[in-house]
N, C-alpha and C. Protein backbone atom coordinates (compact mmCIF):
# COMPACT_ATOMS: atom_id res chain seq x y z
N MET A 1 41.97 22.89 -2.55
CA MET A 1 41.30 21.32 -2.88
C MET A 1 41.70 20.12 -3.85
N SER A 2 41.68 19.46 -3.58
CA SER A 2 41.88 18.54 -4.57
C SER A 2 40.94 18.26 -5.53
N SER A 3 41.06 17.21 -6.75
CA SER A 3 39.81 16.91 -7.69
C SER A 3 39.77 15.45 -6.82
N PRO A 4 38.10 15.30 -7.28
CA PRO A 4 37.56 14.02 -6.55
C PRO A 4 38.54 12.58 -7.51
N HIS A 5 38.88 11.73 -6.49
CA HIS A 5 38.83 10.56 -7.60
C HIS A 5 37.82 10.54 -8.73
N PRO A 6 38.83 9.84 -9.91
CA PRO A 6 37.93 10.14 -11.50
C PRO A 6 36.53 9.08 -10.97
N LEU A 7 36.45 8.29 -10.22
CA LEU A 7 35.42 7.56 -10.04
C LEU A 7 34.10 8.62 -9.51
N VAL A 8 34.72 8.62 -8.30
CA VAL A 8 33.77 9.75 -7.56
C VAL A 8 33.23 11.41 -8.61
N ALA A 9 34.01 11.68 -9.57
CA ALA A 9 33.77 12.69 -10.64
C ALA A 9 32.92 11.88 -10.92
N TRP A 10 33.13 10.67 -11.77
CA TRP A 10 32.00 10.26 -13.03
C TRP A 10 30.76 9.88 -12.29
N CYS A 11 30.50 9.55 -11.04
CA CYS A 11 29.31 9.07 -10.31
C CYS A 11 28.83 10.41 -10.17
N GLN A 12 29.41 11.49 -9.47
CA GLN A 12 29.03 12.39 -9.62
C GLN A 12 28.26 13.40 -11.08
N ARG A 13 28.97 13.07 -12.10
CA ARG A 13 28.26 13.49 -13.12
C ARG A 13 27.01 12.95 -13.72
N THR A 14 27.36 11.43 -13.42
CA THR A 14 26.33 10.47 -13.74
C THR A 14 24.84 10.56 -13.21
N SER A 15 24.84 10.74 -11.87
CA SER A 15 24.00 10.77 -10.78
C SER A 15 23.02 12.03 -10.92
N GLU A 16 23.90 12.90 -11.49
CA GLU A 16 22.96 14.79 -11.90
C GLU A 16 22.77 14.52 -13.20
N SER A 17 22.83 13.74 -13.66
CA SER A 17 22.54 13.90 -15.07
C SER A 17 21.15 14.00 -15.29
N GLY A 18 20.58 14.10 -16.42
CA GLY A 18 18.57 14.43 -16.74
C GLY A 18 18.67 12.88 -17.08
N ARG A 19 19.35 12.49 -17.85
CA ARG A 19 19.10 11.34 -18.73
C ARG A 19 19.30 10.04 -17.26
N PHE A 20 19.71 9.78 -16.53
CA PHE A 20 19.83 9.20 -15.31
C PHE A 20 18.99 9.50 -14.45
N GLN A 21 18.35 10.51 -14.22
CA GLN A 21 17.58 10.67 -13.26
C GLN A 21 16.38 10.18 -14.05
N VAL A 22 16.01 10.14 -15.38
CA VAL A 22 15.04 10.17 -16.19
C VAL A 22 15.05 8.52 -16.33
N ALA A 23 16.01 7.87 -16.50
CA ALA A 23 15.95 6.29 -16.23
C ALA A 23 15.81 5.21 -15.06
N ILE A 24 15.84 6.49 -14.14
CA ILE A 24 15.35 5.78 -12.72
C ILE A 24 14.12 6.04 -12.86
N ILE A 25 13.46 6.91 -13.32
CA ILE A 25 11.89 7.29 -12.86
C ILE A 25 11.23 6.15 -13.75
N LEU A 26 11.69 6.12 -14.66
CA LEU A 26 11.06 4.69 -15.37
C LEU A 26 11.41 3.91 -14.68
N VAL A 27 12.57 3.36 -14.48
CA VAL A 27 12.52 2.07 -13.71
C VAL A 27 11.61 1.69 -12.54
N ILE A 28 11.31 2.85 -11.96
CA ILE A 28 10.51 3.36 -10.60
C ILE A 28 9.12 3.00 -11.57
N LEU A 29 8.69 3.29 -12.77
CA LEU A 29 7.37 3.01 -12.92
C LEU A 29 7.04 1.60 -13.19
N VAL A 30 8.05 1.00 -14.42
CA VAL A 30 8.31 -0.31 -14.59
C VAL A 30 8.02 -1.14 -13.31
N ASN A 31 8.37 -1.00 -12.29
CA ASN A 31 8.53 -1.57 -10.71
C ASN A 31 6.85 -1.05 -10.21
N ALA A 32 6.41 -0.13 -10.62
CA ALA A 32 4.91 -0.27 -9.95
C ALA A 32 4.40 -0.80 -11.04
N ALA A 33 4.15 -1.03 -12.13
CA ALA A 33 3.41 -1.73 -12.86
C ALA A 33 3.63 -3.17 -12.53
N LEU A 34 5.08 -3.89 -12.23
CA LEU A 34 4.86 -4.68 -11.68
C LEU A 34 3.75 -5.64 -10.49
N VAL A 35 4.26 -4.74 -9.62
CA VAL A 35 3.67 -4.43 -8.71
C VAL A 35 1.89 -4.57 -9.03
N GLY A 36 1.34 -3.77 -9.26
CA GLY A 36 0.09 -3.96 -9.82
C GLY A 36 -0.25 -4.94 -10.76
N LEU A 37 0.66 -5.86 -11.84
CA LEU A 37 0.38 -6.80 -11.97
C LEU A 37 0.65 -8.11 -11.25
N GLU A 38 1.25 -8.33 -10.57
CA GLU A 38 1.67 -9.00 -9.94
C GLU A 38 0.49 -9.48 -8.75
N THR A 39 -0.58 -8.41 -8.46
CA THR A 39 -1.96 -8.52 -7.80
C THR A 39 -2.70 -9.62 -8.60
N SER A 40 -2.45 -9.88 -9.68
CA SER A 40 -3.35 -10.70 -10.39
C SER A 40 -3.05 -12.07 -10.15
N ALA A 41 -3.35 -13.03 -9.52
CA ALA A 41 -3.66 -14.50 -9.31
C ALA A 41 -3.01 -14.94 -10.89
N ALA A 42 -4.06 -14.78 -11.98
CA ALA A 42 -3.91 -15.51 -12.94
C ALA A 42 -2.65 -14.74 -13.66
N LEU A 43 -2.55 -14.09 -13.24
CA LEU A 43 -0.86 -13.15 -14.42
C LEU A 43 -0.07 -14.03 -13.47
N VAL A 44 0.09 -14.28 -12.28
CA VAL A 44 1.19 -14.63 -11.22
C VAL A 44 1.43 -16.23 -11.66
N ALA A 45 0.29 -16.65 -12.10
CA ALA A 45 0.35 -18.24 -12.31
C ALA A 45 0.49 -18.45 -13.42
N ARG A 46 0.82 -17.53 -14.48
CA ARG A 46 1.04 -17.75 -16.11
C ARG A 46 2.57 -17.23 -16.36
N HIS A 47 2.75 -15.86 -15.26
CA HIS A 47 4.10 -15.78 -15.77
C HIS A 47 5.08 -15.30 -14.68
N GLY A 48 4.50 -15.84 -13.63
CA GLY A 48 5.41 -15.35 -12.44
C GLY A 48 6.91 -15.49 -12.22
N HIS A 49 7.03 -16.40 -13.26
CA HIS A 49 9.13 -16.20 -13.06
C HIS A 49 8.91 -15.61 -14.31
N LEU A 50 8.50 -14.98 -14.81
CA LEU A 50 9.28 -13.56 -15.78
C LEU A 50 8.88 -12.38 -14.65
N PHE A 51 8.16 -12.45 -13.89
CA PHE A 51 7.86 -11.09 -12.99
C PHE A 51 9.12 -11.07 -12.29
N GLU A 52 9.71 -12.61 -11.21
CA GLU A 52 10.67 -12.93 -10.59
C GLU A 52 12.10 -12.11 -11.25
N VAL A 53 11.92 -12.23 -12.46
CA VAL A 53 13.40 -11.98 -13.26
C VAL A 53 13.12 -10.47 -13.82
N LEU A 54 12.09 -10.28 -14.02
CA LEU A 54 12.09 -8.38 -14.22
C LEU A 54 12.33 -8.02 -12.54
N ASN A 55 11.73 -8.42 -11.80
CA ASN A 55 11.96 -7.64 -10.57
C ASN A 55 13.69 -8.13 -9.85
N GLY A 56 14.02 -9.09 -10.34
CA GLY A 56 15.69 -9.26 -10.15
C GLY A 56 15.90 -7.91 -10.71
N ILE A 57 15.90 -7.60 -11.97
CA ILE A 57 16.29 -6.76 -12.50
C ILE A 57 16.30 -5.13 -12.26
N VAL A 58 15.34 -4.87 -11.66
CA VAL A 58 14.72 -4.19 -11.41
C VAL A 58 15.38 -3.56 -9.81
N LEU A 59 15.80 -4.42 -8.70
CA LEU A 59 16.52 -4.51 -7.98
C LEU A 59 17.93 -4.41 -8.19
N VAL A 60 18.27 -4.95 -9.00
CA VAL A 60 19.85 -5.00 -9.60
C VAL A 60 20.04 -3.11 -9.69
N ILE A 61 19.18 -2.62 -10.77
CA ILE A 61 19.09 -1.44 -11.10
C ILE A 61 19.31 -0.76 -9.74
N PHE A 62 18.24 -0.79 -9.03
CA PHE A 62 18.29 0.27 -8.04
C PHE A 62 19.58 0.03 -6.80
N LEU A 63 20.06 -1.05 -6.59
CA LEU A 63 20.94 -1.21 -5.93
C LEU A 63 22.59 -0.51 -6.94
N ALA A 64 22.53 -0.24 -8.07
CA ALA A 64 23.71 0.12 -9.26
C ALA A 64 23.19 1.89 -8.61
N GLU A 65 22.23 1.96 -8.66
CA GLU A 65 21.60 3.74 -8.55
C GLU A 65 22.33 4.04 -7.05
N LEU A 66 21.93 3.15 -6.05
CA LEU A 66 22.58 3.60 -4.70
C LEU A 66 23.93 3.47 -4.88
N ALA A 67 24.29 2.54 -5.43
CA ALA A 67 26.21 2.66 -5.33
C ALA A 67 26.78 3.57 -6.07
N ILE A 68 26.24 4.17 -6.88
CA ILE A 68 26.48 5.70 -7.92
C ILE A 68 26.45 6.65 -6.89
N ARG A 69 25.09 6.66 -6.51
CA ARG A 69 24.62 8.12 -5.90
C ARG A 69 25.63 7.83 -4.31
N ILE A 70 25.60 6.99 -3.88
CA ILE A 70 27.09 6.78 -2.43
C ILE A 70 28.03 7.43 -3.06
N THR A 71 28.82 6.82 -4.24
CA THR A 71 30.29 7.03 -4.57
C THR A 71 29.89 8.41 -5.01
N ALA A 72 29.40 9.34 -5.68
CA ALA A 72 29.24 10.34 -5.90
C ALA A 72 29.67 11.40 -4.65
N TYR A 73 29.08 10.80 -3.42
CA TYR A 73 29.48 11.52 -2.09
C TYR A 73 30.89 11.02 -1.85
N GLY A 74 31.55 10.63 -2.30
CA GLY A 74 32.92 10.49 -1.79
C GLY A 74 32.96 9.00 -0.86
N TRP A 75 32.04 8.14 -0.67
CA TRP A 75 31.96 7.36 -0.01
C TRP A 75 31.53 7.53 1.24
N ARG A 76 31.12 8.60 1.63
CA ARG A 76 30.66 9.19 2.63
C ARG A 76 29.27 8.97 2.98
N VAL A 77 28.78 7.51 3.45
CA VAL A 77 27.67 7.29 3.65
C VAL A 77 27.00 7.96 4.51
N ALA A 78 27.83 8.31 5.78
CA ALA A 78 27.13 8.87 6.88
C ALA A 78 26.46 10.28 5.75
N ALA A 79 27.19 11.05 5.36
CA ALA A 79 26.62 12.29 4.40
C ALA A 79 25.70 12.19 3.66
N PHE A 80 25.45 11.12 2.70
CA PHE A 80 24.81 10.66 1.93
C PHE A 80 23.05 10.53 2.48
N LEU A 81 23.36 9.74 3.85
CA LEU A 81 22.16 9.16 4.50
C LEU A 81 21.79 10.77 5.25
N ARG A 82 21.98 11.35 5.57
CA ARG A 82 21.48 12.69 5.84
C ARG A 82 20.24 13.48 5.08
N ASP A 83 20.57 13.11 3.58
CA ASP A 83 19.58 13.93 2.88
C ASP A 83 18.44 12.61 3.20
N ASP A 84 17.25 13.42 3.53
CA ASP A 84 15.43 12.20 3.75
C ASP A 84 15.18 11.33 2.40
N TRP A 85 15.79 12.02 1.86
CA TRP A 85 15.13 11.47 0.34
C TRP A 85 16.07 10.12 0.30
N ASN A 86 17.39 10.47 0.24
CA ASN A 86 18.78 9.53 0.33
C ASN A 86 18.09 8.00 1.12
N LEU A 87 18.12 8.83 2.55
CA LEU A 87 17.92 7.68 3.26
C LEU A 87 16.58 6.40 3.06
N PHE A 88 15.60 7.35 2.88
CA PHE A 88 14.38 6.90 2.54
C PHE A 88 15.23 5.86 0.83
N ASP A 89 15.37 6.20 0.03
CA ASP A 89 16.09 5.22 -0.81
C ASP A 89 16.47 4.27 -0.46
N PHE A 90 17.49 4.24 0.54
CA PHE A 90 18.29 3.31 1.24
C PHE A 90 17.76 2.75 1.93
N VAL A 91 16.49 2.64 2.83
CA VAL A 91 15.92 2.13 3.53
C VAL A 91 15.60 0.75 2.69
N VAL A 92 14.90 1.97 1.74
CA VAL A 92 13.34 0.73 0.52
C VAL A 92 14.44 -0.31 0.44
N VAL A 93 15.05 0.14 -0.65
CA VAL A 93 16.25 -0.64 -1.23
C VAL A 93 16.74 -1.92 -0.28
N MET A 94 17.40 -1.37 0.72
CA MET A 94 17.92 -2.91 1.99
C MET A 94 17.07 -3.33 1.83
N ALA A 95 15.82 -3.00 2.56
CA ALA A 95 14.70 -4.10 3.05
C ALA A 95 14.25 -4.56 1.77
N SER A 96 14.08 -4.33 0.67
CA SER A 96 14.06 -5.28 -0.39
C SER A 96 14.88 -6.80 -0.36
N LEU A 97 15.76 -6.41 0.05
CA LEU A 97 17.11 -7.74 0.29
C LEU A 97 16.69 -8.43 1.29
N VAL A 98 16.01 -8.09 2.27
CA VAL A 98 15.72 -9.43 3.19
C VAL A 98 14.76 -10.13 2.97
N PRO A 99 14.49 -11.57 3.27
CA PRO A 99 13.76 -12.36 3.16
C PRO A 99 12.14 -12.13 3.65
N GLY A 100 11.06 -12.23 3.47
CA GLY A 100 10.31 -11.92 3.99
C GLY A 100 10.01 -10.29 4.21
N VAL A 101 10.61 -9.60 3.70
CA VAL A 101 10.37 -7.76 4.28
C VAL A 101 10.06 -7.45 2.78
N GLY A 102 10.26 -7.99 1.45
CA GLY A 102 9.92 -7.02 0.35
C GLY A 102 8.54 -7.71 0.23
N TYR A 103 7.81 -6.96 -0.59
CA TYR A 103 6.41 -7.10 -0.96
C TYR A 103 6.42 -7.93 -1.64
N ARG A 104 5.60 -8.97 -1.21
CA ARG A 104 4.94 -10.22 -2.16
C ARG A 104 3.67 -10.27 -2.18
N PRO A 105 3.01 -10.31 -3.66
CA PRO A 105 1.36 -9.95 -3.92
C PRO A 105 0.76 -11.11 -3.19
N GLU A 106 1.47 -12.47 -3.46
CA GLU A 106 0.43 -13.43 -3.11
C GLU A 106 0.20 -13.43 -1.40
N ARG A 107 0.79 -12.72 -0.43
CA ARG A 107 0.67 -12.66 1.04
C ARG A 107 -0.25 -11.25 1.30
N ALA A 108 -0.84 -10.57 0.28
CA ALA A 108 -1.97 -9.53 0.20
C ALA A 108 -3.12 -10.17 -0.14
N ARG A 109 -3.38 -11.61 -0.64
CA ARG A 109 -4.51 -11.99 -0.73
C ARG A 109 -5.38 -12.95 0.20
């Protein structure tokens, strides 16, 4: 069997590394904190633009994570999506790109 493409090999090493996994967990925690903070009308009024920027950064990180993990599968998206957690992550991240589908705390009030 031939060696994987160098980019695939890098993505495999990266997605399996402890540092990568810890970094993603930290981003998930930051995102959860943002969601919580955005339930405060006063904070959103005062720092709404900052929340928008931070949410955009989090989304870009999650998209990059998905790209790395899918590439680690050798660009075989169907194989990637056979894993339930991968499918869950994919659906959640993709849904956040659809206008009106992503969480907006102002709708919860």
